[in-house]
Each structure stands twice: as C-alpha cells, then as structure tokens.
Amino acid sequence: SPQTYLGQASAEEIITWSLNTFLHG
C-alpha cells in the first residue's frame, strides 16, 4: 500500500506519512 502511493512521493510527503503511520515507535 505505501509503495503504491509513495513510490514517487517527495521527501516531505514520506516524512508526513511516517509520522501519521507510526505515531509511537
């Protein structure tokens, strides 16, 4: 799922996804 929509994402988009997905840890 992440690879589908983050494969060409910007660094900022990947960082935002990371924070939203892994709020803890």
PDBML (XML) file of the C-alpha atoms, coordinates in Angstrom:
<?xml version="1.0" encoding="UTF-8" ?>
<PDBx:datablock datablockName="MODEL"
   xmlns:PDBx="http://pdbml.pdb.org/schema/pdbx-v50.xsd"
   xmlns:xsi="http://www.w3.org/2001/XMLSchema-instance"
   xsi:schemaLocation="http://pdbml.pdb.org/schema/pdbx-v50.xsd pdbx-v50.xsd">
   <PDBx:atom_siteCategory>
      <PDBx:atom_site id="1">
         <PDBx:B_iso_or_equiv>0.00</PDBx:B_iso_or_equiv>
         <PDBx:Cartn_x>0.000</PDBx:Cartn_x>
         <PDBx:Cartn_y>0.000</PDBx:Cartn_y>
         <PDBx:Cartn_z>0.000</PDBx:Cartn_z>
         <PDBx:auth_asym_id>A</PDBx:auth_asym_id>
         <PDBx:auth_atom_id>CA</PDBx:auth_atom_id>
         <PDBx:auth_comp_id>SER</PDBx:auth_comp_id>
         <PDBx:auth_seq_id>1</PDBx:auth_seq_id>
         <PDBx:group_PDB>ATOM</PDBx:group_PDB>
         <PDBx:label_alt_id xsi:nil="true" />
         <PDBx:label_asym_id>A</PDBx:label_asym_id>
         <PDBx:label_atom_id>CA</PDBx:label_atom_id>
         <PDBx:label_comp_id>SER</PDBx:label_comp_id>
         <PDBx:label_entity_id>1</PDBx:label_entity_id>
         <PDBx:label_seq_id>1</PDBx:label_seq_id>
         <PDBx:occupancy>1.00</PDBx:occupancy>
         <PDBx:pdbx_PDB_model_num>1</PDBx:pdbx_PDB_model_num>
         <PDBx:type_symbol>C</PDBx:type_symbol>
      </PDBx:atom_site>
      <PDBx:atom_site id="2">
         <PDBx:B_iso_or_equiv>0.00</PDBx:B_iso_or_equiv>
         <PDBx:Cartn_x>2.639</PDBx:Cartn_x>
         <PDBx:Cartn_y>2.632</PDBx:Cartn_y>
         <PDBx:Cartn_z>0.886</PDBx:Cartn_z>
         <PDBx:auth_asym_id>A</PDBx:auth_asym_id>
         <PDBx:auth_atom_id>CA</PDBx:auth_atom_id>
         <PDBx:auth_comp_id>PRO</PDBx:auth_comp_id>
         <PDBx:auth_seq_id>2</PDBx:auth_seq_id>
         <PDBx:group_PDB>ATOM</PDBx:group_PDB>
         <PDBx:label_alt_id xsi:nil="true" />
         <PDBx:label_asym_id>A</PDBx:label_asym_id>
         <PDBx:label_atom_id>CA</PDBx:label_atom_id>
         <PDBx:label_comp_id>PRO</PDBx:label_comp_id>
         <PDBx:label_entity_id>1</PDBx:label_entity_id>
         <PDBx:label_seq_id>2</PDBx:label_seq_id>
         <PDBx:occupancy>1.00</PDBx:occupancy>
         <PDBx:pdbx_PDB_model_num>1</PDBx:pdbx_PDB_model_num>
         <PDBx:type_symbol>C</PDBx:type_symbol>
      </PDBx:atom_site>
      <PDBx:atom_site id="3">
         <PDBx:B_iso_or_equiv>0.00</PDBx:B_iso_or_equiv>
         <PDBx:Cartn_x>4.710</PDBx:Cartn_x>
         <PDBx:Cartn_y>1.722</PDBx:Cartn_y>
         <PDBx:Cartn_z>-2.154</PDBx:Cartn_z>
         <PDBx:auth_asym_id>A</PDBx:auth_asym_id>
         <PDBx:auth_atom_id>CA</PDBx:auth_atom_id>
         <PDBx:auth_comp_id>GLN</PDBx:auth_comp_id>
         <PDBx:auth_seq_id>3</PDBx:auth_seq_id>
         <PDBx:group_PDB>ATOM</PDBx:group_PDB>
         <PDBx:label_alt_id xsi:nil="true" />
         <PDBx:label_asym_id>A</PDBx:label_asym_id>
         <PDBx:label_atom_id>CA</PDBx:label_atom_id>
         <PDBx:label_comp_id>GLN</PDBx:label_comp_id>
         <PDBx:label_entity_id>1</PDBx:label_entity_id>
         <PDBx:label_seq_id>3</PDBx:label_seq_id>
         <PDBx:occupancy>1.00</PDBx:occupancy>
         <PDBx:pdbx_PDB_model_num>1</PDBx:pdbx_PDB_model_num>
         <PDBx:type_symbol>C</PDBx:type_symbol>
      </PDBx:atom_site>
      <PDBx:atom_site id="4">
         <PDBx:B_iso_or_equiv>0.00</PDBx:B_iso_or_equiv>
         <PDBx:Cartn_x>1.694</PDBx:Cartn_x>
         <PDBx:Cartn_y>2.283</PDBx:Cartn_y>
         <PDBx:Cartn_z>-4.364</PDBx:Cartn_z>
         <PDBx:auth_asym_id>A</PDBx:auth_asym_id>
         <PDBx:auth_atom_id>CA</PDBx:auth_atom_id>
         <PDBx:auth_comp_id>THR</PDBx:auth_comp_id>
         <PDBx:auth_seq_id>4</PDBx:auth_seq_id>
         <PDBx:group_PDB>ATOM</PDBx:group_PDB>
         <PDBx:label_alt_id xsi:nil="true" />
         <PDBx:label_asym_id>A</PDBx:label_asym_id>
         <PDBx:label_atom_id>CA</PDBx:label_atom_id>
         <PDBx:label_comp_id>THR</PDBx:label_comp_id>
         <PDBx:label_entity_id>1</PDBx:label_entity_id>
         <PDBx:label_seq_id>4</PDBx:label_seq_id>
         <PDBx:occupancy>1.00</PDBx:occupancy>
         <PDBx:pdbx_PDB_model_num>1</PDBx:pdbx_PDB_model_num>
         <PDBx:type_symbol>C</PDBx:type_symbol>
      </PDBx:atom_site>
      <PDBx:atom_site id="5">
         <PDBx:B_iso_or_equiv>0.00</PDBx:B_iso_or_equiv>
         <PDBx:Cartn_x>1.249</PDBx:Cartn_x>
         <PDBx:Cartn_y>5.916</PDBx:Cartn_y>
         <PDBx:Cartn_z>-3.461</PDBx:Cartn_z>
         <PDBx:auth_asym_id>A</PDBx:auth_asym_id>
         <PDBx:auth_atom_id>CA</PDBx:auth_atom_id>
         <PDBx:auth_comp_id>TYR</PDBx:auth_comp_id>
         <PDBx:auth_seq_id>5</PDBx:auth_seq_id>
         <PDBx:group_PDB>ATOM</PDBx:group_PDB>
         <PDBx:label_alt_id xsi:nil="true" />
         <PDBx:label_asym_id>A</PDBx:label_asym_id>
         <PDBx:label_atom_id>CA</PDBx:label_atom_id>
         <PDBx:label_comp_id>TYR</PDBx:label_comp_id>
         <PDBx:label_entity_id>1</PDBx:label_entity_id>
         <PDBx:label_seq_id>5</PDBx:label_seq_id>
         <PDBx:occupancy>1.00</PDBx:occupancy>
         <PDBx:pdbx_PDB_model_num>1</PDBx:pdbx_PDB_model_num>
         <PDBx:type_symbol>C</PDBx:type_symbol>
      </PDBx:atom_site>
      <PDBx:atom_site id="6">
         <PDBx:B_iso_or_equiv>0.00</PDBx:B_iso_or_equiv>
         <PDBx:Cartn_x>4.637</PDBx:Cartn_x>
         <PDBx:Cartn_y>6.843</PDBx:Cartn_y>
         <PDBx:Cartn_z>-2.005</PDBx:Cartn_z>
         <PDBx:auth_asym_id>A</PDBx:auth_asym_id>
         <PDBx:auth_atom_id>CA</PDBx:auth_atom_id>
         <PDBx:auth_comp_id>LEU</PDBx:auth_comp_id>
         <PDBx:auth_seq_id>6</PDBx:auth_seq_id>
         <PDBx:group_PDB>ATOM</PDBx:group_PDB>
         <PDBx:label_alt_id xsi:nil="true" />
         <PDBx:label_asym_id>A</PDBx:label_asym_id>
         <PDBx:label_atom_id>CA</PDBx:label_atom_id>
         <PDBx:label_comp_id>LEU</PDBx:label_comp_id>
         <PDBx:label_entity_id>1</PDBx:label_entity_id>
         <PDBx:label_seq_id>6</PDBx:label_seq_id>
         <PDBx:occupancy>1.00</PDBx:occupancy>
         <PDBx:pdbx_PDB_model_num>1</PDBx:pdbx_PDB_model_num>
         <PDBx:type_symbol>C</PDBx:type_symbol>
      </PDBx:atom_site>
      <PDBx:atom_site id="7">
         <PDBx:B_iso_or_equiv>0.00</PDBx:B_iso_or_equiv>
         <PDBx:Cartn_x>6.878</PDBx:Cartn_x>
         <PDBx:Cartn_y>5.369</PDBx:Cartn_y>
         <PDBx:Cartn_z>-4.680</PDBx:Cartn_z>
         <PDBx:auth_asym_id>A</PDBx:auth_asym_id>
         <PDBx:auth_atom_id>CA</PDBx:auth_atom_id>
         <PDBx:auth_comp_id>GLY</PDBx:auth_comp_id>
         <PDBx:auth_seq_id>7</PDBx:auth_seq_id>
         <PDBx:group_PDB>ATOM</PDBx:group_PDB>
         <PDBx:label_alt_id xsi:nil="true" />
         <PDBx:label_asym_id>A</PDBx:label_asym_id>
         <PDBx:label_atom_id>CA</PDBx:label_atom_id>
         <PDBx:label_comp_id>GLY</PDBx:label_comp_id>
         <PDBx:label_entity_id>1</PDBx:label_entity_id>
         <PDBx:label_seq_id>7</PDBx:label_seq_id>
         <PDBx:occupancy>1.00</PDBx:occupancy>
         <PDBx:pdbx_PDB_model_num>1</PDBx:pdbx_PDB_model_num>
         <PDBx:type_symbol>C</PDBx:type_symbol>
      </PDBx:atom_site>
      <PDBx:atom_site id="8">
         <PDBx:B_iso_or_equiv>0.00</PDBx:B_iso_or_equiv>
         <PDBx:Cartn_x>7.287</PDBx:Cartn_x>
         <PDBx:Cartn_y>8.782</PDBx:Cartn_y>
         <PDBx:Cartn_z>-6.315</PDBx:Cartn_z>
         <PDBx:auth_asym_id>A</PDBx:auth_asym_id>
         <PDBx:auth_atom_id>CA</PDBx:auth_atom_id>
         <PDBx:auth_comp_id>GLN</PDBx:auth_comp_id>
         <PDBx:auth_seq_id>8</PDBx:auth_seq_id>
         <PDBx:group_PDB>ATOM</PDBx:group_PDB>
         <PDBx:label_alt_id xsi:nil="true" />
         <PDBx:label_asym_id>A</PDBx:label_asym_id>
         <PDBx:label_atom_id>CA</PDBx:label_atom_id>
         <PDBx:label_comp_id>GLN</PDBx:label_comp_id>
         <PDBx:label_entity_id>1</PDBx:label_entity_id>
         <PDBx:label_seq_id>8</PDBx:label_seq_id>
         <PDBx:occupancy>1.00</PDBx:occupancy>
         <PDBx:pdbx_PDB_model_num>1</PDBx:pdbx_PDB_model_num>
         <PDBx:type_symbol>C</PDBx:type_symbol>
      </PDBx:atom_site>
      <PDBx:atom_site id="9">
         <PDBx:B_iso_or_equiv>0.00</PDBx:B_iso_or_equiv>
         <PDBx:Cartn_x>6.407</PDBx:Cartn_x>
         <PDBx:Cartn_y>10.878</PDBx:Cartn_y>
         <PDBx:Cartn_z>-3.268</PDBx:Cartn_z>
         <PDBx:auth_asym_id>A</PDBx:auth_asym_id>
         <PDBx:auth_atom_id>CA</PDBx:auth_atom_id>
         <PDBx:auth_comp_id>ALA</PDBx:auth_comp_id>
         <PDBx:auth_seq_id>9</PDBx:auth_seq_id>
         <PDBx:group_PDB>ATOM</PDBx:group_PDB>
         <PDBx:label_alt_id xsi:nil="true" />
         <PDBx:label_asym_id>A</PDBx:label_asym_id>
         <PDBx:label_atom_id>CA</PDBx:label_atom_id>
         <PDBx:label_comp_id>ALA</PDBx:label_comp_id>
         <PDBx:label_entity_id>1</PDBx:label_entity_id>
         <PDBx:label_seq_id>9</PDBx:label_seq_id>
         <PDBx:occupancy>1.00</PDBx:occupancy>
         <PDBx:pdbx_PDB_model_num>1</PDBx:pdbx_PDB_model_num>
         <PDBx:type_symbol>C</PDBx:type_symbol>
      </PDBx:atom_site>
      <PDBx:atom_site id="10">
         <PDBx:B_iso_or_equiv>0.00</PDBx:B_iso_or_equiv>
         <PDBx:Cartn_x>8.517</PDBx:Cartn_x>
         <PDBx:Cartn_y>13.803</PDBx:Cartn_y>
         <PDBx:Cartn_z>-2.115</PDBx:Cartn_z>
         <PDBx:auth_asym_id>A</PDBx:auth_asym_id>
         <PDBx:auth_atom_id>CA</PDBx:auth_atom_id>
         <PDBx:auth_comp_id>SER</PDBx:auth_comp_id>
         <PDBx:auth_seq_id>10</PDBx:auth_seq_id>
         <PDBx:group_PDB>ATOM</PDBx:group_PDB>
         <PDBx:label_alt_id xsi:nil="true" />
         <PDBx:label_asym_id>A</PDBx:label_asym_id>
         <PDBx:label_atom_id>CA</PDBx:label_atom_id>
         <PDBx:label_comp_id>SER</PDBx:label_comp_id>
         <PDBx:label_entity_id>1</PDBx:label_entity_id>
         <PDBx:label_seq_id>10</PDBx:label_seq_id>
         <PDBx:occupancy>1.00</PDBx:occupancy>
         <PDBx:pdbx_PDB_model_num>1</PDBx:pdbx_PDB_model_num>
         <PDBx:type_symbol>C</PDBx:type_symbol>
      </PDBx:atom_site>
      <PDBx:atom_site id="11">
         <PDBx:B_iso_or_equiv>0.00</PDBx:B_iso_or_equiv>
         <PDBx:Cartn_x>10.692</PDBx:Cartn_x>
         <PDBx:Cartn_y>13.556</PDBx:Cartn_y>
         <PDBx:Cartn_z>0.972</PDBx:Cartn_z>
         <PDBx:auth_asym_id>A</PDBx:auth_asym_id>
         <PDBx:auth_atom_id>CA</PDBx:auth_atom_id>
         <PDBx:auth_comp_id>ALA</PDBx:auth_comp_id>
         <PDBx:auth_seq_id>11</PDBx:auth_seq_id>
         <PDBx:group_PDB>ATOM</PDBx:group_PDB>
         <PDBx:label_alt_id xsi:nil="true" />
         <PDBx:label_asym_id>A</PDBx:label_asym_id>
         <PDBx:label_atom_id>CA</PDBx:label_atom_id>
         <PDBx:label_comp_id>ALA</PDBx:label_comp_id>
         <PDBx:label_entity_id>1</PDBx:label_entity_id>
         <PDBx:label_seq_id>11</PDBx:label_seq_id>
         <PDBx:occupancy>1.00</PDBx:occupancy>
         <PDBx:pdbx_PDB_model_num>1</PDBx:pdbx_PDB_model_num>
         <PDBx:type_symbol>C</PDBx:type_symbol>
      </PDBx:atom_site>
      <PDBx:atom_site id="12">
         <PDBx:B_iso_or_equiv>0.00</PDBx:B_iso_or_equiv>
         <PDBx:Cartn_x>8.221</PDBx:Cartn_x>
         <PDBx:Cartn_y>15.744</PDBx:Cartn_y>
         <PDBx:Cartn_z>2.854</PDBx:Cartn_z>
         <PDBx:auth_asym_id>A</PDBx:auth_asym_id>
         <PDBx:auth_atom_id>CA</PDBx:auth_atom_id>
         <PDBx:auth_comp_id>GLU</PDBx:auth_comp_id>
         <PDBx:auth_seq_id>12</PDBx:auth_seq_id>
         <PDBx:group_PDB>ATOM</PDBx:group_PDB>
         <PDBx:label_alt_id xsi:nil="true" />
         <PDBx:label_asym_id>A</PDBx:label_asym_id>
         <PDBx:label_atom_id>CA</PDBx:label_atom_id>
         <PDBx:label_comp_id>GLU</PDBx:label_comp_id>
         <PDBx:label_entity_id>1</PDBx:label_entity_id>
         <PDBx:label_seq_id>12</PDBx:label_seq_id>
         <PDBx:occupancy>1.00</PDBx:occupancy>
         <PDBx:pdbx_PDB_model_num>1</PDBx:pdbx_PDB_model_num>
         <PDBx:type_symbol>C</PDBx:type_symbol>
      </PDBx:atom_site>
      <PDBx:atom_site id="13">
         <PDBx:B_iso_or_equiv>0.00</PDBx:B_iso_or_equiv>
         <PDBx:Cartn_x>5.303</PDBx:Cartn_x>
         <PDBx:Cartn_y>13.502</PDBx:Cartn_y>
         <PDBx:Cartn_z>1.919</PDBx:Cartn_z>
         <PDBx:auth_asym_id>A</PDBx:auth_asym_id>
         <PDBx:auth_atom_id>CA</PDBx:auth_atom_id>
         <PDBx:auth_comp_id>GLU</PDBx:auth_comp_id>
         <PDBx:auth_seq_id>13</PDBx:auth_seq_id>
         <PDBx:group_PDB>ATOM</PDBx:group_PDB>
         <PDBx:label_alt_id xsi:nil="true" />
         <PDBx:label_asym_id>A</PDBx:label_asym_id>
         <PDBx:label_atom_id>CA</PDBx:label_atom_id>
         <PDBx:label_comp_id>GLU</PDBx:label_comp_id>
         <PDBx:label_entity_id>1</PDBx:label_entity_id>
         <PDBx:label_seq_id>13</PDBx:label_seq_id>
         <PDBx:occupancy>1.00</PDBx:occupancy>
         <PDBx:pdbx_PDB_model_num>1</PDBx:pdbx_PDB_model_num>
         <PDBx:type_symbol>C</PDBx:type_symbol>
      </PDBx:atom_site>
      <PDBx:atom_site id="14">
         <PDBx:B_iso_or_equiv>0.00</PDBx:B_iso_or_equiv>
         <PDBx:Cartn_x>7.160</PDBx:Cartn_x>
         <PDBx:Cartn_y>10.393</PDBx:Cartn_y>
         <PDBx:Cartn_z>3.058</PDBx:Cartn_z>
         <PDBx:auth_asym_id>A</PDBx:auth_asym_id>
         <PDBx:auth_atom_id>CA</PDBx:auth_atom_id>
         <PDBx:auth_comp_id>ILE</PDBx:auth_comp_id>
         <PDBx:auth_seq_id>14</PDBx:auth_seq_id>
         <PDBx:group_PDB>ATOM</PDBx:group_PDB>
         <PDBx:label_alt_id xsi:nil="true" />
         <PDBx:label_asym_id>A</PDBx:label_asym_id>
         <PDBx:label_atom_id>CA</PDBx:label_atom_id>
         <PDBx:label_comp_id>ILE</PDBx:label_comp_id>
         <PDBx:label_entity_id>1</PDBx:label_entity_id>
         <PDBx:label_seq_id>14</PDBx:label_seq_id>
         <PDBx:occupancy>1.00</PDBx:occupancy>
         <PDBx:pdbx_PDB_model_num>1</PDBx:pdbx_PDB_model_num>
         <PDBx:type_symbol>C</PDBx:type_symbol>
      </PDBx:atom_site>
      <PDBx:atom_site id="15">
         <PDBx:B_iso_or_equiv>0.00</PDBx:B_iso_or_equiv>
         <PDBx:Cartn_x>8.053</PDBx:Cartn_x>
         <PDBx:Cartn_y>12.038</PDBx:Cartn_y>
         <PDBx:Cartn_z>6.365</PDBx:Cartn_z>
         <PDBx:auth_asym_id>A</PDBx:auth_asym_id>
         <PDBx:auth_atom_id>CA</PDBx:auth_atom_id>
         <PDBx:auth_comp_id>ILE</PDBx:auth_comp_id>
         <PDBx:auth_seq_id>15</PDBx:auth_seq_id>
         <PDBx:group_PDB>ATOM</PDBx:group_PDB>
         <PDBx:label_alt_id xsi:nil="true" />
         <PDBx:label_asym_id>A</PDBx:label_asym_id>
         <PDBx:label_atom_id>CA</PDBx:label_atom_id>
         <PDBx:label_comp_id>ILE</PDBx:label_comp_id>
         <PDBx:label_entity_id>1</PDBx:label_entity_id>
         <PDBx:label_seq_id>15</PDBx:label_seq_id>
         <PDBx:occupancy>1.00</PDBx:occupancy>
         <PDBx:pdbx_PDB_model_num>1</PDBx:pdbx_PDB_model_num>
         <PDBx:type_symbol>C</PDBx:type_symbol>
      </PDBx:atom_site>
      <PDBx:atom_site id="16">
         <PDBx:B_iso_or_equiv>0.00</PDBx:B_iso_or_equiv>
         <PDBx:Cartn_x>4.434</PDBx:Cartn_x>
         <PDBx:Cartn_y>13.101</PDBx:Cartn_y>
         <PDBx:Cartn_z>6.929</PDBx:Cartn_z>
         <PDBx:auth_asym_id>A</PDBx:auth_asym_id>
         <PDBx:auth_atom_id>CA</PDBx:auth_atom_id>
         <PDBx:auth_comp_id>THR</PDBx:auth_comp_id>
         <PDBx:auth_seq_id>16</PDBx:auth_seq_id>
         <PDBx:group_PDB>ATOM</PDBx:group_PDB>
         <PDBx:label_alt_id xsi:nil="true" />
         <PDBx:label_asym_id>A</PDBx:label_asym_id>
         <PDBx:label_atom_id>CA</PDBx:label_atom_id>
         <PDBx:label_comp_id>THR</PDBx:label_comp_id>
         <PDBx:label_entity_id>1</PDBx:label_entity_id>
         <PDBx:label_seq_id>16</PDBx:label_seq_id>
         <PDBx:occupancy>1.00</PDBx:occupancy>
         <PDBx:pdbx_PDB_model_num>1</PDBx:pdbx_PDB_model_num>
         <PDBx:type_symbol>C</PDBx:type_symbol>
      </PDBx:atom_site>
      <PDBx:atom_site id="17">
         <PDBx:B_iso_or_equiv>0.00</PDBx:B_iso_or_equiv>
         <PDBx:Cartn_x>3.224</PDBx:Cartn_x>
         <PDBx:Cartn_y>9.568</PDBx:Cartn_y>
         <PDBx:Cartn_z>6.131</PDBx:Cartn_z>
         <PDBx:auth_asym_id>A</PDBx:auth_asym_id>
         <PDBx:auth_atom_id>CA</PDBx:auth_atom_id>
         <PDBx:auth_comp_id>TRP</PDBx:auth_comp_id>
         <PDBx:auth_seq_id>17</PDBx:auth_seq_id>
         <PDBx:group_PDB>ATOM</PDBx:group_PDB>
         <PDBx:label_alt_id xsi:nil="true" />
         <PDBx:label_asym_id>A</PDBx:label_asym_id>
         <PDBx:label_atom_id>CA</PDBx:label_atom_id>
         <PDBx:label_comp_id>TRP</PDBx:label_comp_id>
         <PDBx:label_entity_id>1</PDBx:label_entity_id>
         <PDBx:label_seq_id>17</PDBx:label_seq_id>
         <PDBx:occupancy>1.00</PDBx:occupancy>
         <PDBx:pdbx_PDB_model_num>1</PDBx:pdbx_PDB_model_num>
         <PDBx:type_symbol>C</PDBx:type_symbol>
      </PDBx:atom_site>
      <PDBx:atom_site id="18">
         <PDBx:B_iso_or_equiv>0.00</PDBx:B_iso_or_equiv>
         <PDBx:Cartn_x>5.770</PDBx:Cartn_x>
         <PDBx:Cartn_y>8.174</PDBx:Cartn_y>
         <PDBx:Cartn_z>8.590</PDBx:Cartn_z>
         <PDBx:auth_asym_id>A</PDBx:auth_asym_id>
         <PDBx:auth_atom_id>CA</PDBx:auth_atom_id>
         <PDBx:auth_comp_id>SER</PDBx:auth_comp_id>
         <PDBx:auth_seq_id>18</PDBx:auth_seq_id>
         <PDBx:group_PDB>ATOM</PDBx:group_PDB>
         <PDBx:label_alt_id xsi:nil="true" />
         <PDBx:label_asym_id>A</PDBx:label_asym_id>
         <PDBx:label_atom_id>CA</PDBx:label_atom_id>
         <PDBx:label_comp_id>SER</PDBx:label_comp_id>
         <PDBx:label_entity_id>1</PDBx:label_entity_id>
         <PDBx:label_seq_id>18</PDBx:label_seq_id>
         <PDBx:occupancy>1.00</PDBx:occupancy>
         <PDBx:pdbx_PDB_model_num>1</PDBx:pdbx_PDB_model_num>
         <PDBx:type_symbol>C</PDBx:type_symbol>
      </PDBx:atom_site>
      <PDBx:atom_site id="19">
         <PDBx:B_iso_or_equiv>0.00</PDBx:B_iso_or_equiv>
         <PDBx:Cartn_x>4.560</PDBx:Cartn_x>
         <PDBx:Cartn_y>10.401</PDBx:Cartn_y>
         <PDBx:Cartn_z>11.409</PDBx:Cartn_z>
         <PDBx:auth_asym_id>A</PDBx:auth_asym_id>
         <PDBx:auth_atom_id>CA</PDBx:auth_atom_id>
         <PDBx:auth_comp_id>LEU</PDBx:auth_comp_id>
         <PDBx:auth_seq_id>19</PDBx:auth_seq_id>
         <PDBx:group_PDB>ATOM</PDBx:group_PDB>
         <PDBx:label_alt_id xsi:nil="true" />
         <PDBx:label_asym_id>A</PDBx:label_asym_id>
         <PDBx:label_atom_id>CA</PDBx:label_atom_id>
         <PDBx:label_comp_id>LEU</PDBx:label_comp_id>
         <PDBx:label_entity_id>1</PDBx:label_entity_id>
         <PDBx:label_seq_id>19</PDBx:label_seq_id>
         <PDBx:occupancy>1.00</PDBx:occupancy>
         <PDBx:pdbx_PDB_model_num>1</PDBx:pdbx_PDB_model_num>
         <PDBx:type_symbol>C</PDBx:type_symbol>
      </PDBx:atom_site>
      <PDBx:atom_site id="20">
         <PDBx:B_iso_or_equiv>0.00</PDBx:B_iso_or_equiv>
         <PDBx:Cartn_x>0.907</PDBx:Cartn_x>
         <PDBx:Cartn_y>9.637</PDBx:Cartn_y>
         <PDBx:Cartn_z>10.739</PDBx:Cartn_z>
         <PDBx:auth_asym_id>A</PDBx:auth_asym_id>
         <PDBx:auth_atom_id>CA</PDBx:auth_atom_id>
         <PDBx:auth_comp_id>ASN</PDBx:auth_comp_id>
         <PDBx:auth_seq_id>20</PDBx:auth_seq_id>
         <PDBx:group_PDB>ATOM</PDBx:group_PDB>
         <PDBx:label_alt_id xsi:nil="true" />
         <PDBx:label_asym_id>A</PDBx:label_asym_id>
         <PDBx:label_atom_id>CA</PDBx:label_atom_id>
         <PDBx:label_comp_id>ASN</PDBx:label_comp_id>
         <PDBx:label_entity_id>1</PDBx:label_entity_id>
         <PDBx:label_seq_id>20</PDBx:label_seq_id>
         <PDBx:occupancy>1.00</PDBx:occupancy>
         <PDBx:pdbx_PDB_model_num>1</PDBx:pdbx_PDB_model_num>
         <PDBx:type_symbol>C</PDBx:type_symbol>
      </PDBx:atom_site>
      <PDBx:atom_site id="21">
         <PDBx:B_iso_or_equiv>0.00</PDBx:B_iso_or_equiv>
         <PDBx:Cartn_x>1.506</PDBx:Cartn_x>
         <PDBx:Cartn_y>5.897</PDBx:Cartn_y>
         <PDBx:Cartn_z>10.450</PDBx:Cartn_z>
         <PDBx:auth_asym_id>A</PDBx:auth_asym_id>
         <PDBx:auth_atom_id>CA</PDBx:auth_atom_id>
         <PDBx:auth_comp_id>THR</PDBx:auth_comp_id>
         <PDBx:auth_seq_id>21</PDBx:auth_seq_id>
         <PDBx:group_PDB>ATOM</PDBx:group_PDB>
         <PDBx:label_alt_id xsi:nil="true" />
         <PDBx:label_asym_id>A</PDBx:label_asym_id>
         <PDBx:label_atom_id>CA</PDBx:label_atom_id>
         <PDBx:label_comp_id>THR</PDBx:label_comp_id>
         <PDBx:label_entity_id>1</PDBx:label_entity_id>
         <PDBx:label_seq_id>21</PDBx:label_seq_id>
         <PDBx:occupancy>1.00</PDBx:occupancy>
         <PDBx:pdbx_PDB_model_num>1</PDBx:pdbx_PDB_model_num>
         <PDBx:type_symbol>C</PDBx:type_symbol>
      </PDBx:atom_site>
      <PDBx:atom_site id="22">
         <PDBx:B_iso_or_equiv>0.00</PDBx:B_iso_or_equiv>
         <PDBx:Cartn_x>3.946</PDBx:Cartn_x>
         <PDBx:Cartn_y>5.416</PDBx:Cartn_y>
         <PDBx:Cartn_z>13.335</PDBx:Cartn_z>
         <PDBx:auth_asym_id>A</PDBx:auth_asym_id>
         <PDBx:auth_atom_id>CA</PDBx:auth_atom_id>
         <PDBx:auth_comp_id>PHE</PDBx:auth_comp_id>
         <PDBx:auth_seq_id>22</PDBx:auth_seq_id>
         <PDBx:group_PDB>ATOM</PDBx:group_PDB>
         <PDBx:label_alt_id xsi:nil="true" />
         <PDBx:label_asym_id>A</PDBx:label_asym_id>
         <PDBx:label_atom_id>CA</PDBx:label_atom_id>
         <PDBx:label_comp_id>PHE</PDBx:label_comp_id>
         <PDBx:label_entity_id>1</PDBx:label_entity_id>
         <PDBx:label_seq_id>22</PDBx:label_seq_id>
         <PDBx:occupancy>1.00</PDBx:occupancy>
         <PDBx:pdbx_PDB_model_num>1</PDBx:pdbx_PDB_model_num>
         <PDBx:type_symbol>C</PDBx:type_symbol>
      </PDBx:atom_site>
      <PDBx:atom_site id="23">
         <PDBx:B_iso_or_equiv>0.00</PDBx:B_iso_or_equiv>
         <PDBx:Cartn_x>2.892</PDBx:Cartn_x>
         <PDBx:Cartn_y>7.930</PDBx:Cartn_y>
         <PDBx:Cartn_z>15.944</PDBx:Cartn_z>
         <PDBx:auth_asym_id>A</PDBx:auth_asym_id>
         <PDBx:auth_atom_id>CA</PDBx:auth_atom_id>
         <PDBx:auth_comp_id>LEU</PDBx:auth_comp_id>
         <PDBx:auth_seq_id>23</PDBx:auth_seq_id>
         <PDBx:group_PDB>ATOM</PDBx:group_PDB>
         <PDBx:label_alt_id xsi:nil="true" />
         <PDBx:label_asym_id>A</PDBx:label_asym_id>
         <PDBx:label_atom_id>CA</PDBx:label_atom_id>
         <PDBx:label_comp_id>LEU</PDBx:label_comp_id>
         <PDBx:label_entity_id>1</PDBx:label_entity_id>
         <PDBx:label_seq_id>23</PDBx:label_seq_id>
         <PDBx:occupancy>1.00</PDBx:occupancy>
         <PDBx:pdbx_PDB_model_num>1</PDBx:pdbx_PDB_model_num>
         <PDBx:type_symbol>C</PDBx:type_symbol>
      </PDBx:atom_site>
      <PDBx:atom_site id="24">
         <PDBx:B_iso_or_equiv>0.00</PDBx:B_iso_or_equiv>
         <PDBx:Cartn_x>4.693</PDBx:Cartn_x>
         <PDBx:Cartn_y>5.849</PDBx:Cartn_y>
         <PDBx:Cartn_z>18.555</PDBx:Cartn_z>
         <PDBx:auth_asym_id>A</PDBx:auth_asym_id>
         <PDBx:auth_atom_id>CA</PDBx:auth_atom_id>
         <PDBx:auth_comp_id>HIS</PDBx:auth_comp_id>
         <PDBx:auth_seq_id>24</PDBx:auth_seq_id>
         <PDBx:group_PDB>ATOM</PDBx:group_PDB>
         <PDBx:label_alt_id xsi:nil="true" />
         <PDBx:label_asym_id>A</PDBx:label_asym_id>
         <PDBx:label_atom_id>CA</PDBx:label_atom_id>
         <PDBx:label_comp_id>HIS</PDBx:label_comp_id>
         <PDBx:label_entity_id>1</PDBx:label_entity_id>
         <PDBx:label_seq_id>24</PDBx:label_seq_id>
         <PDBx:occupancy>1.00</PDBx:occupancy>
         <PDBx:pdbx_PDB_model_num>1</PDBx:pdbx_PDB_model_num>
         <PDBx:type_symbol>C</PDBx:type_symbol>
      </PDBx:atom_site>
      <PDBx:atom_site id="25">
         <PDBx:B_iso_or_equiv>0.00</PDBx:B_iso_or_equiv>
         <PDBx:Cartn_x>7.909</PDBx:Cartn_x>
         <PDBx:Cartn_y>3.920</PDBx:Cartn_y>
         <PDBx:Cartn_z>17.976</PDBx:Cartn_z>
         <PDBx:auth_asym_id>A</PDBx:auth_asym_id>
         <PDBx:auth_atom_id>CA</PDBx:auth_atom_id>
         <PDBx:auth_comp_id>GLY</PDBx:auth_comp_id>
         <PDBx:auth_seq_id>25</PDBx:auth_seq_id>
         <PDBx:group_PDB>ATOM</PDBx:group_PDB>
         <PDBx:label_alt_id xsi:nil="true" />
         <PDBx:label_asym_id>A</PDBx:label_asym_id>
         <PDBx:label_atom_id>CA</PDBx:label_atom_id>
         <PDBx:label_comp_id>GLY</PDBx:label_comp_id>
         <PDBx:label_entity_id>1</PDBx:label_entity_id>
         <PDBx:label_seq_id>25</PDBx:label_seq_id>
         <PDBx:occupancy>1.00</PDBx:occupancy>
         <PDBx:pdbx_PDB_model_num>1</PDBx:pdbx_PDB_model_num>
         <PDBx:type_symbol>C</PDBx:type_symbol>
      </PDBx:atom_site>
   </PDBx:atom_siteCategory>
</PDBx:datablock>
